[in-house]
Amino acid sequence: MYIRSELIGFGHYLPNKILTNDDLSQMVETNDEWIRTRTGICLRHIAADDETTSVLVSKAVEKAIKNSGLLPQDIDLLIVATVTPDNTTPSTATKVAGMLGFRAGAIAFDISAACSGFVYALTMADNMIRLGQIKTAAIVGAECVSKIIDWTDRNTCVLFGDGAGAAILRATKGTGTSKDTGVLSTCLYADGAQYDHLKSTGGVSSTQTAGFVQMDGKEVFKHAVVSLSEAAETALQRAKISKKEIDWLIPHQANIRIIESVGERLELPKEKVIVSVDHHGNTSAASIPLALSENMEAGRFHKGDVIVMTAMGAGFTWGGAVIRL
C-alpha cells in the first residue's frame, strides 16, 4: 500500500484594514500607476496593532479544520511557516494549538523559510504522513510583514501585505502513480550565498530588534524567475506529470512580471496562472495558501485538478510541489 497526503480542507484570513496605492502615495513618493505597472499590486491588507500572527493563523486554521470536517483534537501536527512570529520563543504554532484546543501531545512548531515557507511546511508534513508518523496535519503560511516594514522606504513598503492561508492534510491510500490524489511530489532548495540580497536589518542575536525588510530588487528578480521555473519543472518530473497536464499554476505572489515570466517558461496560457498579488500584495509565506484557499472557496478549483506550486524567498530558499485535488 502506498500512502499519500490528501488535501481535505482549506482556510484563509485577511485583516480588515486595506491599504491602497493611493494611500501609499500620501506616505512616500510614489503613485498608483508606478506601483501597478511594476508590481501588479493595487492594494494590500494590513494587520491591526493588536492582530498578531497567531490571530491570523488561528482564524485560517479554524476555517480549514471546519471545512475538512475534522475537529481540532483530530490534528496530529501543526506547522506554521512565518518570519513574523508572536514571540522569539515559544513558537507561534504552540500558541495557536493552545488557542484552538489541540490535544496535548500534538506536534507543533514554526519554520522560517520566508516566501518558500508553505512549500517547506507541505514537504515536512507530507514526509511525516508517508512515514506513518502522523495521520493528519494542519499547515499554515502566515505573516504580519507590515510590522517589519520601513514605511519610509518606497522600494519595499509598496510590496508587502499581511494574511494567512491554511490547508489540512490527511493520510490516504494511493497507488504510487501520478493518478493518485494528494501530494504527488515536492522539492526544496537553498543558497546561503544569496543571504544579503533579501533580509531583515535586525535579529535577536545581532541587534536585539526585529529590524526592517531590506531587498536588492534586481538580484531577487534575476534569481526568482529561474528558481521558480526550475523548481516547478523538477517537481513535475518527480511527479511524472507533463506541462500539458497542469490545470493550475500557483507561483509565489511577489510581482506580476515574475509570475507572468514563470507561466511563459512553463508554456502555460495566462488563464491557468493564478494571480492574487493585485489584491494581496506579497504576503510572503502566506501567498500560496491564500491563493489556494481563496480559489477553492470561489469554486475555481475542482476535484482531480493538478496544481503546481512554486516559491522563492529570502535565504535564498525555493521549492516546488505538485498536488492533485
C-alpha atoms as a PDB file:
ATOM      1  CA  MET A   1       0.000   0.000   0.000  1.00  0.00           C
ATOM      2  CA  TYR A   2       1.242   3.483  -0.897  1.00  0.00           C
ATOM      3  CA  ILE A   3       0.456   6.356   1.461  1.00  0.00           C
ATOM      4  CA  ARG A   4      -0.362   9.807   0.062  1.00  0.00           C
ATOM      5  CA  SER A   5      -1.158  13.121   1.778  1.00  0.00           C
ATOM      6  CA  GLU A   6      -4.605  14.219   0.635  1.00  0.00           C
ATOM      7  CA  LEU A   7      -5.593  17.885   0.989  1.00  0.00           C
ATOM      8  CA  ILE A   8      -9.079  17.875   2.527  1.00  0.00           C
ATOM      9  CA  GLY A   9      -9.646  21.396   3.866  1.00  0.00           C
ATOM     10  CA  PHE A  10      -8.610  24.979   3.213  1.00  0.00           C
ATOM     11  CA  GLY A  11      -8.971  28.272   5.025  1.00  0.00           C
ATOM     12  CA  HIS A  12      -7.632  31.814   4.898  1.00  0.00           C
ATOM     13  CA  TYR A  13      -7.849  35.100   6.701  1.00  0.00           C
ATOM     14  CA  LEU A  14      -7.120  38.680   5.671  1.00  0.00           C
ATOM     15  CA  PRO A  15      -7.086  41.653   8.053  1.00  0.00           C
ATOM     16  CA  ASN A  16      -9.893  44.174   7.586  1.00  0.00           C
ATOM     17  CA  LYS A  17      -7.662  47.184   7.009  1.00  0.00           C
ATOM     18  CA  ILE A  18      -6.922  47.811   3.328  1.00  0.00           C
ATOM     19  CA  LEU A  19      -4.043  49.987   2.145  1.00  0.00           C
ATOM     20  CA  THR A  20      -4.380  51.167  -1.461  1.00  0.00           C
ATOM     21  CA  ASN A  21      -1.713  52.553  -3.750  1.00  0.00           C
ATOM     22  CA  ASP A  22      -3.305  55.981  -3.407  1.00  0.00           C
ATOM     23  CA  ASP A  23      -2.972  55.670   0.368  1.00  0.00           C
ATOM     24  CA  LEU A  24       0.727  54.910  -0.046  1.00  0.00           C
ATOM     25  CA  SER A  25       1.181  57.945  -2.278  1.00  0.00           C
ATOM     26  CA  GLN A  26       0.295  60.033   0.768  1.00  0.00           C
ATOM     27  CA  MET A  27       3.048  58.334   2.785  1.00  0.00           C
ATOM     28  CA  VAL A  28       6.007  58.094   0.377  1.00  0.00           C
ATOM     29  CA  GLU A  29       6.959  59.456  -3.018  1.00  0.00           C
ATOM     30  CA  THR A  30       5.106  57.059  -5.300  1.00  0.00           C
ATOM     31  CA  ASN A  31       1.837  56.761  -7.219  1.00  0.00           C
ATOM     32  CA  ASP A  32      -0.741  54.190  -8.261  1.00  0.00           C
ATOM     33  CA  GLU A  33       0.471  53.894 -11.877  1.00  0.00           C
ATOM     34  CA  TRP A  34       4.108  53.349 -10.865  1.00  0.00           C
ATOM     35  CA  ILE A  35       3.190  50.562  -8.424  1.00  0.00           C
ATOM     36  CA  ARG A  36       0.684  48.846 -10.732  1.00  0.00           C
ATOM     37  CA  THR A  37       2.919  48.787 -13.817  1.00  0.00           C
ATOM     38  CA  ARG A  38       5.993  47.499 -11.973  1.00  0.00           C
ATOM     39  CA  THR A  39       4.433  45.095  -9.472  1.00  0.00           C
ATOM     40  CA  GLY A  40       0.806  44.471 -10.447  1.00  0.00           C
ATOM     41  CA  ILE A  41      -0.273  45.378  -6.909  1.00  0.00           C
ATOM     42  CA  CYS A  42      -3.385  47.502  -6.368  1.00  0.00           C
ATOM     43  CA  LEU A  43      -3.966  47.013  -2.647  1.00  0.00           C
ATOM     44  CA  ARG A  44      -2.851  45.002   0.352  1.00  0.00           C
ATOM     45  CA  HIS A  45      -4.327  44.072   3.752  1.00  0.00           C
ATOM     46  CA  ILE A  46      -2.621  45.356   6.902  1.00  0.00           C
ATOM     47  CA  ALA A  47      -2.932  43.790  10.349  1.00  0.00           C
ATOM     48  CA  ALA A  48      -4.276  45.956  13.160  1.00  0.00           C
ATOM     49  CA  ASP A  49      -1.968  46.830  16.040  1.00  0.00           C
ATOM     50  CA  ASP A  50      -3.490  44.085  18.191  1.00  0.00           C
ATOM     51  CA  GLU A  51      -3.567  41.487  15.380  1.00  0.00           C
ATOM     52  CA  THR A  52      -0.535  39.282  15.863  1.00  0.00           C
ATOM     53  CA  THR A  53       0.446  36.445  13.571  1.00  0.00           C
ATOM     54  CA  SER A  54      -1.174  33.924  15.938  1.00  0.00           C
ATOM     55  CA  VAL A  55      -4.514  35.683  15.456  1.00  0.00           C
ATOM     56  CA  LEU A  56      -4.235  35.365  11.671  1.00  0.00           C
ATOM     57  CA  VAL A  57      -3.131  31.736  11.936  1.00  0.00           C
ATOM     58  CA  SER A  58      -5.909  30.726  14.325  1.00  0.00           C
ATOM     59  CA  LYS A  59      -8.612  32.167  12.066  1.00  0.00           C
ATOM     60  CA  ALA A  60      -7.235  30.453   8.945  1.00  0.00           C
ATOM     61  CA  VAL A  61      -6.687  27.099  10.673  1.00  0.00           C
ATOM     62  CA  GLU A  62     -10.072  27.142  12.374  1.00  0.00           C
ATOM     63  CA  LYS A  63     -11.735  27.671   8.992  1.00  0.00           C
ATOM     64  CA  ALA A  64      -9.644  24.958   7.319  1.00  0.00           C
ATOM     65  CA  ILE A  65     -10.428  22.411  10.042  1.00  0.00           C
ATOM     66  CA  LYS A  66     -14.131  23.195   9.811  1.00  0.00           C
ATOM     67  CA  ASN A  67     -14.057  22.788   6.024  1.00  0.00           C
ATOM     68  CA  SER A  68     -12.281  19.442   6.389  1.00  0.00           C
ATOM     69  CA  GLY A  69     -14.983  18.014   8.636  1.00  0.00           C
ATOM     70  CA  LEU A  70     -12.455  17.288  11.378  1.00  0.00           C
ATOM     71  CA  LEU A  71     -12.092  18.688  14.896  1.00  0.00           C
ATOM     72  CA  PRO A  72      -9.030  20.436  16.401  1.00  0.00           C
ATOM     73  CA  GLN A  73      -8.470  17.338  18.552  1.00  0.00           C
ATOM     74  CA  ASP A  74      -8.046  15.265  15.366  1.00  0.00           C
ATOM     75  CA  ILE A  75      -4.943  17.169  14.220  1.00  0.00           C
ATOM     76  CA  ASP A  76      -1.617  15.435  14.893  1.00  0.00           C
ATOM     77  CA  LEU A  77       0.686  18.169  13.581  1.00  0.00           C
ATOM     78  CA  LEU A  78       0.600  21.942  13.176  1.00  0.00           C
ATOM     79  CA  ILE A  79       3.339  23.697  11.209  1.00  0.00           C
ATOM     80  CA  VAL A  80       3.324  27.487  10.940  1.00  0.00           C
ATOM     81  CA  ALA A  81       5.557  28.979   8.259  1.00  0.00           C
ATOM     82  CA  THR A  82       6.331  32.565   9.207  1.00  0.00           C
ATOM     83  CA  VAL A  83       9.103  35.136   9.594  1.00  0.00           C
ATOM     84  CA  THR A  84       6.940  37.244  11.910  1.00  0.00           C
ATOM     85  CA  PRO A  85       6.237  35.065  14.971  1.00  0.00           C
ATOM     86  CA  ASP A  86       4.451  36.484  18.020  1.00  0.00           C
ATOM     87  CA  ASN A  87       7.447  35.783  20.239  1.00  0.00           C
ATOM     88  CA  THR A  88      11.021  34.700  19.733  1.00  0.00           C
ATOM     89  CA  THR A  89      10.009  31.637  21.756  1.00  0.00           C
ATOM     90  CA  PRO A  90       7.808  29.643  22.152  1.00  0.00           C
ATOM     91  CA  SER A  91       6.630  29.019  18.608  1.00  0.00           C
ATOM     92  CA  THR A  92       3.503  30.611  17.195  1.00  0.00           C
ATOM     93  CA  ALA A  93       2.311  27.089  16.367  1.00  0.00           C
ATOM     94  CA  THR A  94       2.239  26.044  20.029  1.00  0.00           C
ATOM     95  CA  LYS A  95       0.326  29.204  20.896  1.00  0.00           C
ATOM     96  CA  VAL A  96      -2.289  28.515  18.230  1.00  0.00           C
ATOM     97  CA  ALA A  97      -2.553  24.851  19.270  1.00  0.00           C
ATOM     98  CA  GLY A  98      -3.492  26.095  22.732  1.00  0.00           C
ATOM     99  CA  MET A  99      -5.888  28.719  21.380  1.00  0.00           C
ATOM    100  CA  LEU A 100      -7.786  26.186  19.264  1.00  0.00           C
ATOM    101  CA  GLY A 101      -7.811  23.341  21.769  1.00  0.00           C
ATOM    102  CA  PHE A 102      -5.486  20.841  20.100  1.00  0.00           C
ATOM    103  CA  ARG A 103      -4.918  17.745  22.224  1.00  0.00           C
ATOM    104  CA  ALA A 104      -1.852  17.560  24.456  1.00  0.00           C
ATOM    105  CA  GLY A 105       0.897  15.748  22.582  1.00  0.00           C
ATOM    106  CA  ALA A 106       0.039  17.064  19.132  1.00  0.00           C
ATOM    107  CA  ILE A 107       3.226  18.234  17.400  1.00  0.00           C
ATOM    108  CA  ALA A 108       3.512  21.992  16.817  1.00  0.00           C
ATOM    109  CA  PHE A 109       6.392  24.084  15.525  1.00  0.00           C
ATOM    110  CA  ASP A 110       7.302  27.054  13.307  1.00  0.00           C
ATOM    111  CA  ILE A 111       9.603  27.128  10.319  1.00  0.00           C
ATOM    112  CA  SER A 112      11.369  30.152   8.864  1.00  0.00           C
ATOM    113  CA  ALA A 113      11.835  29.849   5.116  1.00  0.00           C
ATOM    114  CA  ALA A 114      10.384  33.243   4.163  1.00  0.00           C
ATOM    115  CA  CYS A 115       8.265  33.185   0.980  1.00  0.00           C
ATOM    116  CA  SER A 116       9.020  29.475   0.455  1.00  0.00           C
ATOM    117  CA  GLY A 117       7.664  28.618   3.888  1.00  0.00           C
ATOM    118  CA  PHE A 118       4.409  26.971   2.827  1.00  0.00           C
ATOM    119  CA  VAL A 119       6.147  24.657   0.343  1.00  0.00           C
ATOM    120  CA  TYR A 120       8.667  23.751   3.055  1.00  0.00           C
ATOM    121  CA  ALA A 121       5.821  23.054   5.520  1.00  0.00           C
ATOM    122  CA  LEU A 122       3.945  20.977   2.941  1.00  0.00           C
ATOM    123  CA  THR A 123       7.053  18.882   2.321  1.00  0.00           C
ATOM    124  CA  MET A 124       7.643  18.249   6.031  1.00  0.00           C
ATOM    125  CA  ALA A 125       4.033  17.293   6.711  1.00  0.00           C
ATOM    126  CA  ASP A 126       3.857  15.069   3.626  1.00  0.00           C
ATOM    127  CA  ASN A 127       7.023  13.222   4.618  1.00  0.00           C
ATOM    128  CA  MET A 128       5.755  12.598   8.155  1.00  0.00           C
ATOM    129  CA  ILE A 129       2.437  11.306   6.834  1.00  0.00           C
ATOM    130  CA  ARG A 130       4.087   8.991   4.301  1.00  0.00           C
ATOM    131  CA  LEU A 131       6.406   7.649   7.016  1.00  0.00           C
ATOM    132  CA  GLY A 132       3.376   6.805   9.141  1.00  0.00           C
ATOM    133  CA  GLN A 133       4.371   9.135  11.978  1.00  0.00           C
ATOM    134  CA  ILE A 134       1.107  11.099  11.785  1.00  0.00           C
ATOM    135  CA  LYS A 135      -2.281  10.842  10.078  1.00  0.00           C
ATOM    136  CA  THR A 136      -3.421  14.464   9.928  1.00  0.00           C
ATOM    137  CA  ALA A 137      -1.647  17.812   9.661  1.00  0.00           C
ATOM    138  CA  ALA A 138      -2.518  21.492   9.509  1.00  0.00           C
ATOM    139  CA  ILE A 139       0.000  23.576   7.588  1.00  0.00           C
ATOM    140  CA  VAL A 140      -0.117  27.349   7.522  1.00  0.00           C
ATOM    141  CA  GLY A 141       1.665  30.224   5.855  1.00  0.00           C
ATOM    142  CA  ALA A 142       1.079  33.423   7.815  1.00  0.00           C
ATOM    143  CA  GLU A 143       2.715  36.824   8.024  1.00  0.00           C
ATOM    144  CA  CYS A 144       2.391  40.244   9.576  1.00  0.00           C
ATOM    145  CA  VAL A 145       5.063  41.624   7.263  1.00  0.00           C
ATOM    146  CA  SER A 146       3.736  45.150   7.805  1.00  0.00           C
ATOM    147  CA  LYS A 147       5.269  45.049  11.272  1.00  0.00           C
ATOM    148  CA  ILE A 148       8.808  44.701   9.865  1.00  0.00           C
ATOM    149  CA  ILE A 149       8.422  47.233   7.051  1.00  0.00           C
ATOM    150  CA  ASP A 150      10.063  50.654   6.975  1.00  0.00           C
ATOM    151  CA  TRP A 151       7.143  52.782   5.811  1.00  0.00           C
ATOM    152  CA  THR A 152       9.541  55.477   4.606  1.00  0.00           C
ATOM    153  CA  ASP A 153      11.274  53.063   2.183  1.00  0.00           C
ATOM    154  CA  ARG A 154       9.300  53.181  -1.061  1.00  0.00           C
ATOM    155  CA  ASN A 155      11.281  50.254  -2.508  1.00  0.00           C
ATOM    156  CA  THR A 156       9.769  47.826  -0.002  1.00  0.00           C
ATOM    157  CA  CYS A 157       6.694  49.375   1.622  1.00  0.00           C
ATOM    158  CA  VAL A 158       4.642  49.192  -1.601  1.00  0.00           C
ATOM    159  CA  LEU A 159       5.184  45.453  -1.969  1.00  0.00           C
ATOM    160  CA  PHE A 160       4.013  43.665   1.147  1.00  0.00           C
ATOM    161  CA  GLY A 161       0.758  42.762   2.841  1.00  0.00           C
ATOM    162  CA  ASP A 162      -0.489  40.597   5.710  1.00  0.00           C
ATOM    163  CA  GLY A 163      -2.590  37.446   5.768  1.00  0.00           C
ATOM    164  CA  ALA A 164      -2.751  33.714   6.443  1.00  0.00           C
ATOM    165  CA  GLY A 165      -3.663  30.607   4.491  1.00  0.00           C
ATOM    166  CA  ALA A 166      -4.021  27.040   5.771  1.00  0.00           C
ATOM    167  CA  ALA A 167      -4.526  23.525   4.465  1.00  0.00           C
ATOM    168  CA  ILE A 168      -5.417  20.253   6.187  1.00  0.00           C
ATOM    169  CA  LEU A 169      -3.638  17.082   5.083  1.00  0.00           C
ATOM    170  CA  ARG A 170      -4.801  13.533   5.812  1.00  0.00           C
ATOM    171  CA  ALA A 171      -3.225  10.168   5.097  1.00  0.00           C
ATOM    172  CA  THR A 172      -4.935   8.285   2.286  1.00  0.00           C
ATOM    173  CA  LYS A 173      -4.228   5.151   0.268  1.00  0.00           C
ATOM    174  CA  GLY A 174      -2.677   5.559  -3.158  1.00  0.00           C
ATOM    175  CA  THR A 175      -1.158   3.519  -5.949  1.00  0.00           C
ATOM    176  CA  GLY A 176       2.104   5.419  -6.170  1.00  0.00           C
ATOM    177  CA  THR A 177       1.276   6.730  -9.647  1.00  0.00           C
ATOM    178  CA  SER A 178       0.599  10.219 -10.981  1.00  0.00           C
ATOM    179  CA  LYS A 179      -3.135   9.419 -10.964  1.00  0.00           C
ATOM    180  CA  ASP A 180      -3.233   9.487  -7.148  1.00  0.00           C
ATOM    181  CA  THR A 181      -4.980  12.204  -5.192  1.00  0.00           C
ATOM    182  CA  GLY A 182      -2.848  14.335  -2.858  1.00  0.00           C
ATOM    183  CA  VAL A 183       0.758  15.475  -2.787  1.00  0.00           C
ATOM    184  CA  LEU A 184       2.483  13.908  -5.794  1.00  0.00           C
ATOM    185  CA  SER A 185       5.915  15.474  -5.354  1.00  0.00           C
ATOM    186  CA  THR A 186       7.911  18.228  -3.690  1.00  0.00           C
ATOM    187  CA  CYS A 187      11.413  19.660  -3.981  1.00  0.00           C
ATOM    188  CA  LEU A 188      13.296  22.108  -1.753  1.00  0.00           C
ATOM    189  CA  TYR A 189      16.478  24.167  -2.139  1.00  0.00           C
ATOM    190  CA  ALA A 190      18.527  26.918  -0.512  1.00  0.00           C
ATOM    191  CA  ASP A 191      21.577  29.009  -1.396  1.00  0.00           C
ATOM    192  CA  GLY A 192      23.072  30.871   1.550  1.00  0.00           C
ATOM    193  CA  ALA A 193      25.462  32.740  -0.745  1.00  0.00           C
ATOM    194  CA  GLN A 194      22.474  34.953  -1.623  1.00  0.00           C
ATOM    195  CA  TYR A 195      21.748  35.750   2.060  1.00  0.00           C
ATOM    196  CA  ASP A 196      22.282  39.513   1.856  1.00  0.00           C
ATOM    197  CA  HIS A 197      20.034  40.169  -1.147  1.00  0.00           C
ATOM    198  CA  LEU A 198      16.816  39.896   0.887  1.00  0.00           C
ATOM    199  CA  LYS A 199      16.882  40.077   4.675  1.00  0.00           C
ATOM    200  CA  SER A 200      15.820  41.993   7.746  1.00  0.00           C
ATOM    201  CA  THR A 201      18.179  44.555   9.229  1.00  0.00           C
ATOM    202  CA  GLY A 202      17.846  43.098  12.729  1.00  0.00           C
ATOM    203  CA  GLY A 203      17.797  39.897  14.736  1.00  0.00           C
ATOM    204  CA  VAL A 204      17.794  38.500  18.257  1.00  0.00           C
ATOM    205  CA  SER A 205      21.500  37.703  18.477  1.00  0.00           C
ATOM    206  CA  SER A 206      22.724  40.627  16.359  1.00  0.00           C
ATOM    207  CA  THR A 207      20.765  43.784  17.155  1.00  0.00           C
ATOM    208  CA  GLN A 208      18.143  42.523  19.646  1.00  0.00           C
ATOM    209  CA  THR A 209      15.492  44.059  17.349  1.00  0.00           C
ATOM    210  CA  ALA A 210      13.309  42.680  14.587  1.00  0.00           C
ATOM    211  CA  GLY A 211      14.682  45.195  12.080  1.00  0.00           C
ATOM    212  CA  PHE A 212      13.123  46.047   8.724  1.00  0.00           C
ATOM    213  CA  VAL A 213      12.936  44.181   5.420  1.00  0.00           C
ATOM    214  CA  GLN A 214      15.728  45.172   3.046  1.00  0.00           C
ATOM    215  CA  MET A 215      15.914  43.986  -0.567  1.00  0.00           C
ATOM    216  CA  ASP A 216      18.077  44.175  -3.647  1.00  0.00           C
ATOM    217  CA  GLY A 217      15.201  44.035  -6.120  1.00  0.00           C
ATOM    218  CA  LYS A 218      17.291  43.421  -9.247  1.00  0.00           C
ATOM    219  CA  GLU A 219      19.102  40.439  -7.750  1.00  0.00           C
ATOM    220  CA  VAL A 220      15.892  38.949  -6.358  1.00  0.00           C
ATOM    221  CA  PHE A 221      14.138  39.277  -9.722  1.00  0.00           C
ATOM    222  CA  LYS A 222      17.066  37.728 -11.582  1.00  0.00           C
ATOM    223  CA  HIS A 223      17.109  34.648  -9.381  1.00  0.00           C
ATOM    224  CA  ALA A 224      13.349  34.365  -8.879  1.00  0.00           C
ATOM    225  CA  VAL A 225      12.263  33.630 -12.447  1.00  0.00           C
ATOM    226  CA  VAL A 226      14.887  30.912 -12.924  1.00  0.00           C
ATOM    227  CA  SER A 227      14.455  29.332  -9.477  1.00  0.00           C
ATOM    228  CA  LEU A 228      10.656  29.296  -9.586  1.00  0.00           C
ATOM    229  CA  SER A 229      10.595  27.792 -13.072  1.00  0.00           C
ATOM    230  CA  GLU A 230      13.238  25.141 -12.385  1.00  0.00           C
ATOM    231  CA  ALA A 231      11.601  24.096  -9.101  1.00  0.00           C
ATOM    232  CA  ALA A 232       8.262  23.684 -10.859  1.00  0.00           C
ATOM    233  CA  GLU A 233       9.849  21.628 -13.633  1.00  0.00           C
ATOM    234  CA  THR A 234      11.692  19.401 -11.151  1.00  0.00           C
ATOM    235  CA  ALA A 235       8.511  18.804  -9.160  1.00  0.00           C
ATOM    236  CA  LEU A 236       6.695  17.890 -12.387  1.00  0.00           C
ATOM    237  CA  GLN A 237       9.430  15.428 -13.341  1.00  0.00           C
ATOM    238  CA  ARG A 238       9.303  13.779  -9.927  1.00  0.00           C
ATOM    239  CA  ALA A 239       5.518  13.501 -10.135  1.00  0.00           C
ATOM    240  CA  LYS A 240       5.732  12.152 -13.706  1.00  0.00           C
ATOM    241  CA  ILE A 241       3.330  14.902 -14.789  1.00  0.00           C
ATOM    242  CA  SER A 242       3.749  16.765 -18.097  1.00  0.00           C
ATOM    243  CA  LYS A 243       3.293  20.506 -18.521  1.00  0.00           C
ATOM    244  CA  LYS A 244       0.220  19.779 -20.641  1.00  0.00           C
ATOM    245  CA  GLU A 245      -1.430  18.074 -17.661  1.00  0.00           C
ATOM    246  CA  ILE A 246      -1.187  21.169 -15.443  1.00  0.00           C
ATOM    247  CA  ASP A 247      -4.591  22.634 -14.627  1.00  0.00           C
ATOM    248  CA  TRP A 248      -3.297  25.488 -12.469  1.00  0.00           C
ATOM    249  CA  LEU A 249      -0.024  27.156 -11.546  1.00  0.00           C
ATOM    250  CA  ILE A 250       0.194  28.985  -8.221  1.00  0.00           C
ATOM    251  CA  PRO A 251       3.545  30.787  -8.107  1.00  0.00           C
ATOM    252  CA  HIS A 252       4.604  32.868  -5.135  1.00  0.00           C
ATOM    253  CA  GLN A 253       2.809  36.190  -5.466  1.00  0.00           C
ATOM    254  CA  ALA A 254       5.706  38.641  -5.395  1.00  0.00           C
ATOM    255  CA  ASN A 255       5.487  40.566  -8.626  1.00  0.00           C
ATOM    256  CA  ILE A 256       3.285  40.284 -11.713  1.00  0.00           C
ATOM    257  CA  ARG A 257       6.312  40.310 -14.033  1.00  0.00           C
ATOM    258  CA  ILE A 258       7.832  37.331 -12.227  1.00  0.00           C
ATOM    259  CA  ILE A 259       4.502  35.488 -12.229  1.00  0.00           C
ATOM    260  CA  GLU A 260       3.985  36.016 -15.963  1.00  0.00           C
ATOM    261  CA  SER A 261       7.567  35.034 -16.788  1.00  0.00           C
ATOM    262  CA  VAL A 262       7.267  31.747 -14.899  1.00  0.00           C
ATOM    263  CA  GLY A 263       3.985  30.977 -16.665  1.00  0.00           C
ATOM    264  CA  GLU A 264       5.639  31.595 -20.033  1.00  0.00           C
ATOM    265  CA  ARG A 265       8.599  29.364 -19.189  1.00  0.00           C
ATOM    266  CA  LEU A 266       6.196  26.572 -18.309  1.00  0.00           C
ATOM    267  CA  GLU A 267       4.343  27.196 -21.600  1.00  0.00           C
ATOM    268  CA  LEU A 268       1.046  27.835 -19.837  1.00  0.00           C
ATOM    269  CA  PRO A 269      -1.766  30.084 -21.075  1.00  0.00           C
ATOM    270  CA  LYS A 270      -2.417  33.057 -18.791  1.00  0.00           C
ATOM    271  CA  GLU A 271      -5.799  31.720 -17.721  1.00  0.00           C
ATOM    272  CA  LYS A 272      -4.060  28.781 -15.980  1.00  0.00           C
ATOM    273  CA  VAL A 273      -1.755  31.033 -13.927  1.00  0.00           C
ATOM    274  CA  ILE A 274      -3.259  32.165 -10.626  1.00  0.00           C
ATOM    275  CA  VAL A 275      -2.746  35.859  -9.817  1.00  0.00           C
ATOM    276  CA  SER A 276      -3.686  37.288  -6.430  1.00  0.00           C
ATOM    277  CA  VAL A 277      -0.823  39.732  -5.979  1.00  0.00           C
ATOM    278  CA  ASP A 278      -3.098  42.511  -7.243  1.00  0.00           C
ATOM    279  CA  HIS A 279      -5.316  42.395  -4.134  1.00  0.00           C
ATOM    280  CA  HIS A 280      -2.988  40.748  -1.604  1.00  0.00           C
ATOM    281  CA  GLY A 281       0.443  42.196  -2.316  1.00  0.00           C
ATOM    282  CA  ASN A 282       3.393  39.998  -1.371  1.00  0.00           C
ATOM    283  CA  THR A 283       2.314  38.138   1.770  1.00  0.00           C
ATOM    284  CA  SER A 284       5.500  36.057   1.959  1.00  0.00           C
ATOM    285  CA  ALA A 285       4.775  32.530   3.281  1.00  0.00           C
ATOM    286  CA  ALA A 286       1.032  33.206   3.129  1.00  0.00           C
ATOM    287  CA  SER A 287       0.834  33.956  -0.594  1.00  0.00           C
ATOM    288  CA  ILE A 288       0.413  30.423  -1.987  1.00  0.00           C
ATOM    289  CA  PRO A 289      -2.034  29.097   0.657  1.00  0.00           C
ATOM    290  CA  LEU A 290      -4.030  32.339   0.453  1.00  0.00           C
ATOM    291  CA  ALA A 291      -4.412  31.901  -3.293  1.00  0.00           C
ATOM    292  CA  LEU A 292      -5.153  28.188  -2.871  1.00  0.00           C
ATOM    293  CA  SER A 293      -7.893  28.731  -0.274  1.00  0.00           C
ATOM    294  CA  GLU A 294      -9.381  31.776  -1.974  1.00  0.00           C
ATOM    295  CA  ASN A 295      -9.796  29.976  -5.300  1.00  0.00           C
ATOM    296  CA  MET A 296     -11.130  26.820  -3.644  1.00  0.00           C
ATOM    297  CA  GLU A 297     -13.752  28.935  -1.902  1.00  0.00           C
ATOM    298  CA  ALA A 298     -14.647  30.639  -5.183  1.00  0.00           C
ATOM    299  CA  GLY A 299     -15.201  27.255  -6.850  1.00  0.00           C
ATOM    300  CA  ARG A 300     -12.461  27.771  -9.382  1.00  0.00           C
ATOM    301  CA  PHE A 301     -10.619  24.564  -8.475  1.00  0.00           C
ATOM    302  CA  HIS A 302     -12.221  21.142  -8.846  1.00  0.00           C
ATOM    303  CA  LYS A 303     -11.658  17.573  -7.704  1.00  0.00           C
ATOM    304  CA  GLY A 304      -8.924  15.968  -9.775  1.00  0.00           C
ATOM    305  CA  ASP A 305      -7.237  19.235 -10.774  1.00  0.00           C
ATOM    306  CA  VAL A 306      -3.436  19.171 -10.952  1.00  0.00           C
ATOM    307  CA  ILE A 307      -1.924  22.205  -9.243  1.00  0.00           C
ATOM    308  CA  VAL A 308       1.740  23.202  -9.373  1.00  0.00           C
ATOM    309  CA  MET A 309       3.041  25.460  -6.608  1.00  0.00           C
ATOM    310  CA  THR A 310       6.435  27.146  -6.692  1.00  0.00           C
ATOM    311  CA  ALA A 311       8.025  29.724  -4.405  1.00  0.00           C
ATOM    312  CA  MET A 312      11.266  31.569  -3.683  1.00  0.00           C
ATOM    313  CA  GLY A 313      12.182  33.737  -0.727  1.00  0.00           C
ATOM    314  CA  ALA A 314      14.900  35.165   1.478  1.00  0.00           C
ATOM    315  CA  GLY A 315      17.839  32.907   2.144  1.00  0.00           C
ATOM    316  CA  PHE A 316      17.584  32.299  -0.750  1.00  0.00           C
ATOM    317  CA  THR A 317      15.178  29.417  -0.287  1.00  0.00           C
ATOM    318  CA  TRP A 318      12.989  27.979  -3.009  1.00  0.00           C
ATOM    319  CA  GLY A 319      10.940  24.931  -3.866  1.00  0.00           C
ATOM    320  CA  GLY A 320       8.063  23.404  -5.771  1.00  0.00           C
ATOM    321  CA  ALA A 321       5.211  20.957  -5.308  1.00  0.00           C
ATOM    322  CA  VAL A 322       2.636  19.137  -7.408  1.00  0.00           C
ATOM    323  CA  ILE A 323      -0.717  18.161  -5.931  1.00  0.00           C
ATOM    324  CA  ARG A 324      -3.873  16.589  -7.292  1.00  0.00           C
ATOM    325  CA  LEU A 325      -7.058  17.714  -5.555  1.00  0.00           C
END
